[in-house]
Amino acid sequence: MSLPPRFTRPAEWPFQKIGDEIVVVVPRARLMHRIEGVGVRIWELLERPATVASLVSALESEFEVERETLEADVVGFLEELRERELLEPA
């Protein structure tokens, strides 16, 4: 299953930044998810609708990594978010 062209984080899931990580609560499933590392920055950027390209461009200016590596990592993380129901089409 591929990612939608534009996506965002679900507005209905409460979350809290605690230190260097984010904890997201999915009440209906009674689950909590921890997001760490660069995932925290991606989660922040997903406050507004985004594309893979827009996320990669934003992160590229903040982290020293090759664009191809960054794009693969971003896509992998977004797929994890989708599997956890923490990503939705915008």
Protein backbone atom coordinates (compact mmCIF):
# COMPACT_ATOMS: atom_id res chain seq x y z
CA MET A 1 0.00 0.00 0.00
CA SER A 2 1.47 3.34 -1.02
CA LEU A 3 1.35 6.62 0.85
CA PRO A 4 -1.26 9.22 -0.12
CA PRO A 5 0.14 12.21 -2.07
CA ARG A 6 -0.48 14.55 0.90
CA PHE A 7 -0.86 13.54 4.50
CA THR A 8 -1.00 14.86 8.04
CA ARG A 9 -1.19 13.55 11.57
CA PRO A 10 -4.67 12.81 12.96
CA ALA A 11 -5.88 15.90 14.83
CA GLU A 12 -7.95 13.79 17.22
CA TRP A 13 -5.03 11.88 18.77
CA PRO A 14 -3.64 13.66 21.84
CA PHE A 15 0.13 13.81 22.21
CA GLN A 16 2.70 15.27 24.54
CA LYS A 17 6.35 16.11 24.05
CA ILE A 18 8.30 14.74 26.99
CA GLY A 19 11.99 15.54 26.89
CA ASP A 20 13.34 14.39 23.52
CA GLU A 21 10.38 12.22 22.56
CA ILE A 22 6.69 12.48 21.78
CA VAL A 23 4.04 10.21 23.25
CA VAL A 24 0.89 9.82 21.15
CA VAL A 25 -2.28 8.33 22.62
CA VAL A 26 -4.79 6.43 20.47
CA PRO A 27 -7.77 6.24 22.85
CA ARG A 28 -10.01 3.94 20.82
CA ALA A 29 -7.28 1.31 20.66
CA ARG A 30 -6.02 2.09 24.18
CA LEU A 31 -2.49 2.44 22.84
CA MET A 32 0.40 4.81 23.40
CA HIS A 33 3.15 5.27 20.83
CA ARG A 34 6.59 6.77 21.46
CA ILE A 35 8.28 8.78 18.74
CA GLU A 36 11.98 9.50 19.05
CA GLY A 37 14.87 11.04 17.14
CA VAL A 38 14.18 12.60 13.75
CA GLY A 39 10.65 11.20 14.02
CA VAL A 40 9.90 13.97 16.54
CA ARG A 41 10.72 16.62 13.94
CA ILE A 42 8.69 14.82 11.27
CA TRP A 43 5.72 14.66 13.68
CA GLU A 44 6.03 18.41 14.26
CA LEU A 45 6.11 19.07 10.51
CA LEU A 46 2.98 16.92 10.05
CA GLU A 47 0.95 19.53 11.94
CA ARG A 48 0.20 20.84 8.43
CA PRO A 49 -0.48 18.73 5.35
CA ALA A 50 2.79 17.57 3.80
CA THR A 51 4.28 15.50 1.01
CA VAL A 52 7.36 13.30 1.10
CA ALA A 53 9.21 15.95 -0.93
CA SER A 54 8.24 18.79 1.41
CA LEU A 55 9.31 16.82 4.48
CA VAL A 56 12.62 15.83 2.89
CA SER A 57 13.32 19.44 1.87
CA ALA A 58 12.60 20.72 5.39
CA LEU A 59 14.72 18.04 7.03
CA GLU A 60 17.55 18.37 4.51
CA SER A 61 18.20 21.90 5.75
CA GLU A 62 18.34 20.70 9.36
CA PHE A 63 20.33 17.45 9.13
CA GLU A 64 23.52 16.54 7.32
CA VAL A 65 22.54 13.47 5.31
CA GLU A 66 22.33 12.58 1.63
CA ARG A 67 18.92 13.33 0.10
CA GLU A 68 18.38 9.74 -1.11
CA THR A 69 19.06 8.34 2.37
CA LEU A 70 16.83 10.95 3.97
CA GLU A 71 13.99 10.24 1.54
CA ALA A 72 14.17 6.49 2.21
CA ASP A 73 14.16 7.09 5.97
CA VAL A 74 11.23 9.53 5.76
CA VAL A 75 9.17 7.11 3.66
CA GLY A 76 9.94 4.26 6.07
CA PHE A 77 8.91 6.34 9.07
CA LEU A 78 5.70 7.51 7.37
CA GLU A 79 4.81 3.90 6.56
CA GLU A 80 5.31 3.03 10.24
CA LEU A 81 3.01 5.91 11.22
CA ARG A 82 0.38 4.72 8.75
CA GLU A 83 0.53 1.17 10.14
CA ARG A 84 -0.02 2.60 13.63
CA GLU A 85 -2.93 4.75 12.37
CA LEU A 86 -0.95 7.92 13.11
CA LEU A 87 -1.04 9.23 9.52
CA GLU A 88 -4.02 10.19 7.41
CA PRO A 89 -4.61 11.63 3.94
CA ALA A 90 -4.81 15.41 3.85
